[in-house]
Amino acid sequence: MKSFIKPELRIPVACNMHAWMQAFVHVIDHPYFAVTGPDGSFSIKGLPPGDYEVSVAHETTKYPVEPAAAVPVKLGAGETKRLEFAYKGD
């Protein structure tokens, strides 16, 4: 087991039997994140009102996330926002 003391992004995890199997661990210091569904949709619930920056990551993109993949969002009380992100191949 591994414990983390501080937030870290993109910690690689590899399979020692299959070179093509890999994963990345993201350690964050807050409960606000989402994993996309099969159709690419996501939802982050419980955010208090405030100013945020929403970032996205994909295993095939450079990290830290490119500026085009992070957007500022101002969220009011009880407000929802719709965000769309698109990845383009090289």
Protein backbone atom coordinates (compact mmCIF):
# COMPACT_ATOMS: atom_id res chain seq x y z
CA MET A 1 0.00 0.00 0.00
CA LYS A 2 1.18 3.52 -0.76
CA SER A 3 0.15 6.62 1.21
CA PHE A 4 0.42 10.15 -0.12
CA ILE A 5 1.10 13.20 2.04
CA LYS A 6 0.41 15.89 -0.57
CA PRO A 7 -1.52 16.22 -3.84
CA GLU A 8 0.23 14.78 -6.87
CA LEU A 9 -0.93 14.38 -10.46
CA ARG A 10 -0.26 11.69 -13.00
CA ILE A 11 1.50 9.10 -10.90
CA PRO A 12 2.08 6.21 -13.34
CA VAL A 13 1.04 2.67 -12.49
CA ALA A 14 2.22 -0.08 -14.83
CA CYS A 15 1.50 -3.77 -15.22
CA ASN A 16 4.61 -5.93 -14.94
CA MET A 17 3.09 -8.57 -17.21
CA HIS A 18 1.52 -6.54 -20.02
CA ALA A 19 3.49 -3.53 -21.33
CA TRP A 20 0.36 -1.99 -22.86
CA MET A 21 -1.53 -1.88 -19.55
CA GLN A 22 -1.07 1.37 -17.67
CA ALA A 23 -2.96 3.75 -15.43
CA PHE A 24 -2.41 7.09 -13.72
CA VAL A 25 -3.27 8.01 -10.15
CA HIS A 26 -4.26 11.57 -9.27
CA VAL A 27 -4.06 12.51 -5.58
CA ILE A 28 -6.15 15.62 -4.87
CA ASP A 29 -6.92 17.47 -1.66
CA HIS A 30 -10.65 17.96 -2.30
CA PRO A 31 -13.66 15.76 -3.18
CA TYR A 32 -14.55 17.52 -6.46
CA PHE A 33 -13.77 15.37 -9.48
CA ALA A 34 -15.55 13.28 -12.06
CA VAL A 35 -14.91 10.34 -14.36
CA THR A 36 -16.75 10.43 -17.66
CA GLY A 37 -19.50 7.99 -18.49
CA PRO A 38 -19.55 5.85 -21.66
CA ASP A 39 -21.00 8.78 -23.62
CA GLY A 40 -18.38 11.24 -22.31
CA SER A 41 -20.75 13.04 -19.93
CA PHE A 42 -19.69 14.05 -16.44
CA SER A 43 -21.12 15.77 -13.38
CA ILE A 44 -19.44 17.31 -10.33
CA LYS A 45 -21.92 17.66 -7.49
CA GLY A 46 -21.79 19.62 -4.25
CA LEU A 47 -19.58 22.51 -5.34
CA PRO A 48 -20.11 25.60 -3.21
CA PRO A 49 -20.54 28.94 -5.03
CA GLY A 50 -17.24 30.41 -6.18
CA ASP A 51 -14.65 30.73 -8.92
CA TYR A 52 -13.13 27.52 -10.24
CA GLU A 53 -10.92 26.22 -12.99
CA VAL A 54 -12.11 22.96 -14.51
CA SER A 55 -9.36 20.83 -16.04
CA VAL A 56 -9.61 17.62 -17.98
CA ALA A 57 -7.10 14.89 -18.69
CA HIS A 58 -6.85 11.98 -21.10
CA GLU A 59 -4.17 9.32 -21.13
CA THR A 60 -3.03 10.38 -24.60
CA THR A 61 -2.60 14.09 -23.87
CA LYS A 62 0.37 15.95 -22.47
CA TYR A 63 0.31 16.67 -18.76
CA PRO A 64 -0.07 19.11 -17.11
CA VAL A 65 -3.23 19.69 -19.06
CA GLU A 66 -2.90 22.00 -22.06
CA PRO A 67 -4.46 25.46 -21.55
CA ALA A 68 -7.22 24.63 -24.04
CA ALA A 69 -8.37 21.83 -21.73
CA ALA A 70 -8.86 24.02 -18.63
CA VAL A 71 -11.60 26.63 -18.35
CA PRO A 72 -12.53 29.16 -15.65
CA VAL A 73 -16.04 28.80 -14.23
CA LYS A 74 -17.94 31.13 -11.88
CA LEU A 75 -20.65 29.24 -10.05
CA GLY A 76 -23.51 30.92 -8.15
CA ALA A 77 -25.66 29.35 -5.41
CA GLY A 78 -27.80 26.55 -6.85
CA GLU A 79 -26.44 27.21 -10.35
CA THR A 80 -25.40 24.58 -12.87
CA LYS A 81 -23.14 25.06 -15.88
CA ARG A 82 -22.70 23.05 -19.03
CA LEU A 83 -19.09 22.56 -20.15
CA GLU A 84 -17.88 20.85 -23.27
CA PHE A 85 -14.37 19.65 -24.00
CA ALA A 86 -13.03 18.11 -27.20
CA TYR A 87 -9.76 16.32 -27.83
CA LYS A 88 -8.11 16.36 -31.22
CA GLY A 89 -5.57 13.83 -32.41
CA ASP A 90 -2.07 14.85 -33.40
